[in-house]
Amino acid sequence: MAPSASFLDYVKDLFSPFGEISVRKMFGGAGIYCDGAIFAIIGDDDIWFKVDDVTRAEFEAADLRPFEVEMNGKTGTMSYYNAPEEIFDDNDALRHWTGLALAASARGKKPAKKKTVKKKAAKKAASKSAKPKA
């Protein structure tokens, strides 16, 4: 079931202290972005925070579970763990867990791809200089 419009509005308000929050619908759920970087997802009306090798153990120690997805009859997990309930009524918990997710998102950010135009121009120049002169 897709997240409700009222829950999406609530999420934007909940995370607004951390930066510019946007929500983009995807695959029956939604991605939550802070300043353009995804740090959480929504499935139904549940929030799942981004984790990585640095933060996963803390989520597991709190008995939080990974987001599971079924594809082609097989179940797999993603690098998102359910958000603890206390984030909804405890500002310290909200800051702590959101901070972990934002840090994992920042560490996982891929560097911008270089434009291929420069590579093509360099290849062309190299092939011209490699040709023997008559």
Protein backbone atom coordinates (compact mmCIF):
# COMPACT_ATOMS: atom_id res chain seq x y z
CA MET A 1 0.00 0.00 0.00
CA ALA A 2 1.36 3.41 -0.96
CA PRO A 3 2.08 5.89 1.83
CA SER A 4 -0.70 8.37 2.51
CA ALA A 5 -0.36 12.01 1.49
CA SER A 6 -0.80 13.08 5.12
CA PHE A 7 2.06 10.79 6.21
CA LEU A 8 4.34 12.21 3.49
CA ASP A 9 3.58 15.72 4.75
CA TYR A 10 4.26 14.60 8.31
CA VAL A 11 7.62 13.12 7.26
CA LYS A 12 8.68 16.36 5.55
CA ASP A 13 7.86 18.26 8.74
CA LEU A 14 9.54 15.68 11.00
CA PHE A 15 12.87 15.84 9.18
CA SER A 16 12.80 19.56 8.25
CA PRO A 17 15.35 20.53 10.97
CA PHE A 18 18.02 18.54 9.09
CA GLY A 19 17.88 20.39 5.77
CA GLU A 20 15.71 20.71 2.70
CA ILE A 21 13.49 17.63 2.73
CA SER A 22 11.84 16.24 -0.37
CA VAL A 23 9.90 13.04 -0.89
CA ARG A 24 9.77 11.21 -4.21
CA LYS A 25 7.33 8.41 -4.84
CA MET A 26 8.89 5.19 -6.13
CA PHE A 27 7.97 1.51 -6.38
CA GLY A 28 4.80 1.86 -4.30
CA GLY A 29 6.68 3.69 -1.55
CA ALA A 30 8.79 6.83 -1.42
CA GLY A 31 12.35 8.01 -0.95
CA ILE A 32 13.14 10.70 1.62
CA TYR A 33 15.86 13.12 0.57
CA CYS A 34 17.75 15.70 2.59
CA ASP A 35 19.47 18.35 0.50
CA GLY A 36 19.14 16.07 -2.52
CA ALA A 37 20.60 12.89 -0.95
CA ILE A 38 18.40 9.92 -0.11
CA PHE A 39 18.68 8.87 3.54
CA ALA A 40 15.45 6.97 4.17
CA ILE A 41 12.59 5.24 2.42
CA ILE A 42 8.92 4.85 3.21
CA GLY A 43 7.03 1.61 2.78
CA ASP A 44 3.34 1.89 3.61
CA ASP A 45 3.49 4.32 6.52
CA ASP A 46 6.80 3.03 7.92
CA ILE A 47 10.21 4.72 7.74
CA TRP A 48 13.41 2.82 6.99
CA PHE A 49 16.79 4.54 7.51
CA LYS A 50 19.85 4.14 5.27
CA VAL A 51 22.63 2.04 6.85
CA ASP A 52 26.14 1.07 5.84
CA ASP A 53 28.95 -1.04 7.30
CA VAL A 54 29.69 1.71 9.84
CA THR A 55 26.13 2.03 11.21
CA ARG A 56 24.52 -1.39 10.63
CA ALA A 57 25.68 -2.87 13.96
CA GLU A 58 24.01 -0.10 15.94
CA PHE A 59 20.70 -0.72 14.18
CA GLU A 60 21.01 -4.46 14.79
CA ALA A 61 21.92 -3.90 18.47
CA ALA A 62 18.67 -1.94 18.83
CA ASP A 63 16.85 -4.99 17.40
CA LEU A 64 15.86 -3.11 14.25
CA ARG A 65 15.37 -5.10 11.05
CA PRO A 66 16.39 -4.61 7.41
CA PHE A 67 13.94 -3.68 4.70
CA GLU A 68 13.04 -6.79 2.73
CA VAL A 69 11.92 -6.88 -0.86
CA GLU A 70 10.61 -9.78 -2.89
CA MET A 71 11.60 -10.07 -6.52
CA ASN A 72 11.11 -13.04 -8.82
CA GLY A 73 10.00 -15.21 -5.91
CA LYS A 74 13.12 -14.48 -3.85
CA THR A 75 13.41 -12.29 -0.77
CA GLY A 76 16.35 -9.95 -0.42
CA THR A 77 17.34 -7.15 1.91
CA MET A 78 18.31 -3.58 1.20
CA SER A 79 20.63 -1.23 3.09
CA TYR A 80 17.73 0.29 5.02
CA TYR A 81 16.61 -0.61 8.56
CA ASN A 82 13.32 0.27 10.20
CA ALA A 83 13.34 3.47 12.21
CA PRO A 84 12.84 3.07 15.95
CA GLU A 85 9.45 4.23 17.21
CA GLU A 86 10.99 6.73 19.64
CA ILE A 87 12.01 9.07 16.79
CA PHE A 88 8.38 10.19 16.63
CA ASP A 89 8.25 11.56 20.17
CA ASP A 90 11.86 11.98 21.35
CA ASN A 91 13.94 14.72 19.69
CA ASP A 92 17.23 13.24 20.94
CA ALA A 93 16.36 9.88 19.36
CA LEU A 94 15.27 11.64 16.17
CA ARG A 95 18.62 13.49 15.96
CA HIS A 96 20.64 10.37 16.74
CA TRP A 97 19.04 7.95 14.28
CA THR A 98 18.59 10.50 11.51
CA GLY A 99 22.22 11.54 11.97
CA LEU A 100 23.33 7.93 11.46
CA ALA A 101 21.23 7.66 8.29
CA LEU A 102 22.49 10.98 6.90
CA ALA A 103 26.10 9.95 7.58
CA ALA A 104 25.59 6.58 5.85
CA SER A 105 24.03 8.38 2.90
CA ALA A 106 26.97 10.79 2.67
CA ARG A 107 29.51 7.96 2.80
CA GLY A 108 27.64 6.07 0.10
CA LYS A 109 27.42 8.99 -2.27
CA LYS A 110 29.11 8.17 -5.54
CA PRO A 111 31.41 10.78 -7.04
CA ALA A 112 29.99 12.66 -9.99
CA LYS A 113 30.72 11.03 -13.31
CA LYS A 114 33.09 12.86 -15.60
CA LYS A 115 31.69 13.87 -18.91
CA THR A 116 32.51 11.41 -21.67
CA VAL A 117 33.06 14.23 -24.16
CA LYS A 118 36.55 14.80 -22.73
CA LYS A 119 37.36 11.08 -22.95
CA LYS A 120 36.27 10.91 -26.58
CA ALA A 121 38.31 13.98 -27.47
CA ALA A 122 41.39 12.53 -25.74
CA LYS A 123 40.98 9.21 -27.59
CA LYS A 124 40.63 11.02 -30.90
CA ALA A 125 43.77 13.09 -30.24
CA ALA A 126 45.71 10.00 -29.18
CA SER A 127 44.70 8.06 -32.29
CA LYS A 128 45.78 10.96 -34.55
CA SER A 129 49.21 11.17 -32.92
CA ALA A 130 49.67 7.39 -33.11
CA LYS A 131 49.28 7.30 -36.92
CA PRO A 132 52.56 7.15 -38.83
CA LYS A 133 53.33 10.18 -40.98
CA ALA A 134 53.78 9.63 -44.69
